[in-house]
Amino acid sequence: MHGKDEKKRYQPNWTSALVLAFGLLALAFLVAIDRPGWWHIKPATGTAAAMSYAAEKPSRG
């Protein structure tokens, strides 16, 4: 019977850890969808930025 008591004692710790992980993941998701600028790929170097700029179609106007 001692084994059942010990198992019950550790179960809430795992449950709390899972609820905490779920909450942190939900928070990270909500923060990420609020910042659309994080999802754009940006050139890493000046050369890559210049090539990206040169490859864009010129605007008419």
N, C-alpha and C. Protein backbone atom coordinates (compact mmCIF):
# COMPACT_ATOMS: atom_id res chain seq x y z
N MET A 1 0.80 -1.20 0.00
CA MET A 1 0.00 0.00 0.00
C MET A 1 0.84 1.27 0.00
N HIS A 2 2.04 1.13 0.48
CA HIS A 2 2.91 2.29 0.53
C HIS A 2 3.23 2.81 -0.86
N GLY A 3 3.31 1.92 -1.85
CA GLY A 3 3.61 2.29 -3.23
C GLY A 3 2.53 3.15 -3.85
N LYS A 4 1.26 2.88 -3.54
CA LYS A 4 0.16 3.68 -4.09
C LYS A 4 0.19 5.10 -3.56
N ASP A 5 0.50 5.25 -2.26
CA ASP A 5 0.56 6.59 -1.67
C ASP A 5 1.68 7.41 -2.31
N GLU A 6 2.80 6.76 -2.57
CA GLU A 6 3.92 7.47 -3.17
C GLU A 6 3.61 7.86 -4.62
N LYS A 7 2.92 7.01 -5.35
CA LYS A 7 2.54 7.31 -6.72
C LYS A 7 1.58 8.49 -6.77
N LYS A 8 0.63 8.53 -5.86
CA LYS A 8 -0.32 9.64 -5.82
C LYS A 8 0.38 10.95 -5.48
N ARG A 9 1.42 10.88 -4.67
CA ARG A 9 2.12 12.09 -4.28
C ARG A 9 2.86 12.72 -5.44
N TYR A 10 3.40 11.93 -6.35
CA TYR A 10 4.16 12.47 -7.47
C TYR A 10 3.30 12.84 -8.67
N GLN A 11 2.11 12.32 -8.77
CA GLN A 11 1.26 12.60 -9.91
C GLN A 11 0.91 14.09 -10.03
N PRO A 12 0.56 14.78 -8.97
CA PRO A 12 0.26 16.22 -9.13
C PRO A 12 1.46 17.03 -9.62
N ASN A 13 2.66 16.62 -9.30
CA ASN A 13 3.84 17.35 -9.78
C ASN A 13 3.93 17.27 -11.30
N TRP A 14 3.69 16.08 -11.86
CA TRP A 14 3.71 15.93 -13.32
C TRP A 14 2.56 16.70 -13.94
N THR A 15 1.43 16.67 -13.31
CA THR A 15 0.27 17.39 -13.82
C THR A 15 0.54 18.88 -13.83
N SER A 16 1.11 19.38 -12.76
CA SER A 16 1.44 20.80 -12.70
C SER A 16 2.46 21.19 -13.76
N ALA A 17 3.43 20.34 -13.98
CA ALA A 17 4.44 20.62 -15.01
C ALA A 17 3.81 20.65 -16.40
N LEU A 18 2.89 19.74 -16.67
CA LEU A 18 2.23 19.71 -17.97
C LEU A 18 1.33 20.93 -18.17
N VAL A 19 0.62 21.33 -17.14
CA VAL A 19 -0.23 22.51 -17.23
C VAL A 19 0.63 23.76 -17.42
N LEU A 20 1.75 23.85 -16.72
CA LEU A 20 2.66 24.99 -16.87
C LEU A 20 3.23 25.02 -18.29
N ALA A 21 3.64 23.87 -18.82
CA ALA A 21 4.18 23.82 -20.19
C ALA A 21 3.12 24.24 -21.21
N PHE A 22 1.90 23.76 -21.03
CA PHE A 22 0.82 24.15 -21.94
C PHE A 22 0.57 25.65 -21.87
N GLY A 23 0.56 26.21 -20.69
CA GLY A 23 0.35 27.64 -20.53
C GLY A 23 1.45 28.46 -21.19
N LEU A 24 2.68 28.04 -21.02
CA LEU A 24 3.80 28.76 -21.64
C LEU A 24 3.76 28.67 -23.16
N LEU A 25 3.40 27.50 -23.68
CA LEU A 25 3.28 27.36 -25.13
C LEU A 25 2.13 28.20 -25.67
N ALA A 26 1.03 28.26 -24.96
CA ALA A 26 -0.10 29.09 -25.39
C ALA A 26 0.29 30.56 -25.37
N LEU A 27 1.02 30.98 -24.34
CA LEU A 27 1.47 32.37 -24.26
C LEU A 27 2.43 32.70 -25.40
N ALA A 28 3.36 31.79 -25.68
CA ALA A 28 4.31 32.02 -26.78
C ALA A 28 3.58 32.11 -28.11
N PHE A 29 2.57 31.27 -28.31
CA PHE A 29 1.79 31.31 -29.55
C PHE A 29 1.07 32.65 -29.67
N LEU A 30 0.43 33.10 -28.61
CA LEU A 30 -0.31 34.35 -28.68
C LEU A 30 0.61 35.55 -28.91
N VAL A 31 1.79 35.54 -28.32
CA VAL A 31 2.75 36.62 -28.55
C VAL A 31 3.24 36.58 -29.99
N ALA A 32 3.51 35.38 -30.50
CA ALA A 32 4.04 35.25 -31.86
C ALA A 32 3.04 35.70 -32.91
N ILE A 33 1.76 35.39 -32.73
CA ILE A 33 0.79 35.79 -33.75
C ILE A 33 0.48 37.28 -33.67
N ASP A 34 0.85 37.91 -32.57
CA ASP A 34 0.63 39.35 -32.44
C ASP A 34 1.75 40.15 -33.11
N ARG A 35 2.83 39.49 -33.48
CA ARG A 35 3.98 40.18 -34.07
C ARG A 35 4.25 39.63 -35.47
N PRO A 36 3.55 40.12 -36.49
CA PRO A 36 3.73 39.58 -37.84
C PRO A 36 5.11 39.84 -38.42
N GLY A 37 5.83 40.84 -37.92
CA GLY A 37 7.17 41.13 -38.41
C GLY A 37 8.15 40.00 -38.14
N TRP A 38 7.87 39.16 -37.15
CA TRP A 38 8.76 38.05 -36.84
C TRP A 38 8.72 36.98 -37.92
N TRP A 39 7.69 36.97 -38.76
CA TRP A 39 7.52 35.90 -39.73
C TRP A 39 8.06 36.25 -41.11
N HIS A 40 8.66 37.42 -41.27
CA HIS A 40 9.25 37.81 -42.55
C HIS A 40 10.73 37.45 -42.54
N ILE A 41 11.19 36.90 -43.63
CA ILE A 41 12.60 36.55 -43.76
C ILE A 41 13.35 37.80 -44.20
N LYS A 42 14.39 38.12 -43.46
CA LYS A 42 15.19 39.31 -43.74
C LYS A 42 16.59 38.89 -44.19
N PRO A 43 17.21 39.66 -45.08
CA PRO A 43 18.58 39.34 -45.49
C PRO A 43 19.55 39.47 -44.30
N ALA A 44 20.50 38.57 -44.24
CA ALA A 44 21.41 38.53 -43.10
C ALA A 44 22.60 39.47 -43.26
N THR A 45 23.01 39.77 -44.49
CA THR A 45 24.19 40.61 -44.71
C THR A 45 23.84 41.77 -45.63
N GLY A 46 24.71 42.71 -45.71
CA GLY A 46 24.51 43.85 -46.61
C GLY A 46 24.48 43.43 -48.06
N THR A 47 25.33 42.46 -48.42
CA THR A 47 25.35 41.97 -49.79
C THR A 47 24.02 41.31 -50.15
N ALA A 48 23.51 40.50 -49.23
CA ALA A 48 22.23 39.84 -49.47
C ALA A 48 21.10 40.86 -49.56
N ALA A 49 21.17 41.91 -48.76
CA ALA A 49 20.15 42.95 -48.82
C ALA A 49 20.20 43.68 -50.16
N ALA A 50 21.41 43.97 -50.66
CA ALA A 50 21.55 44.65 -51.94
C ALA A 50 21.04 43.77 -53.08
N MET A 51 21.33 42.48 -53.03
CA MET A 51 20.85 41.59 -54.08
C MET A 51 19.32 41.46 -54.03
N SER A 52 18.79 41.43 -52.83
CA SER A 52 17.33 41.36 -52.69
C SER A 52 16.67 42.62 -53.22
N TYR A 53 17.27 43.77 -52.93
CA TYR A 53 16.74 45.03 -53.41
C TYR A 53 16.82 45.12 -54.93
N ALA A 54 17.92 44.63 -55.50
CA ALA A 54 18.11 44.69 -56.95
C ALA A 54 17.16 43.73 -57.67
N ALA A 55 16.76 42.65 -57.01
CA ALA A 55 15.89 41.67 -57.65
C ALA A 55 14.42 42.09 -57.65
N GLU A 56 14.08 43.07 -56.82
CA GLU A 56 12.68 43.52 -56.77
C GLU A 56 12.30 44.21 -58.07
N LYS A 57 11.04 44.08 -58.43
CA LYS A 57 10.54 44.77 -59.62
C LYS A 57 10.43 46.26 -59.33
N PRO A 58 10.82 47.10 -60.28
CA PRO A 58 10.70 48.55 -60.03
C PRO A 58 9.23 48.94 -59.96
N SER A 59 8.95 49.85 -59.07
CA SER A 59 7.57 50.33 -58.94
C SER A 59 7.28 51.38 -60.02
N ARG A 60 6.10 51.35 -60.52
CA ARG A 60 5.69 52.32 -61.55
C ARG A 60 4.84 53.39 -60.89
N GLY A 61 5.42 54.48 -60.63
CA GLY A 61 4.59 55.51 -60.05
C GLY A 61 5.33 56.54 -59.39
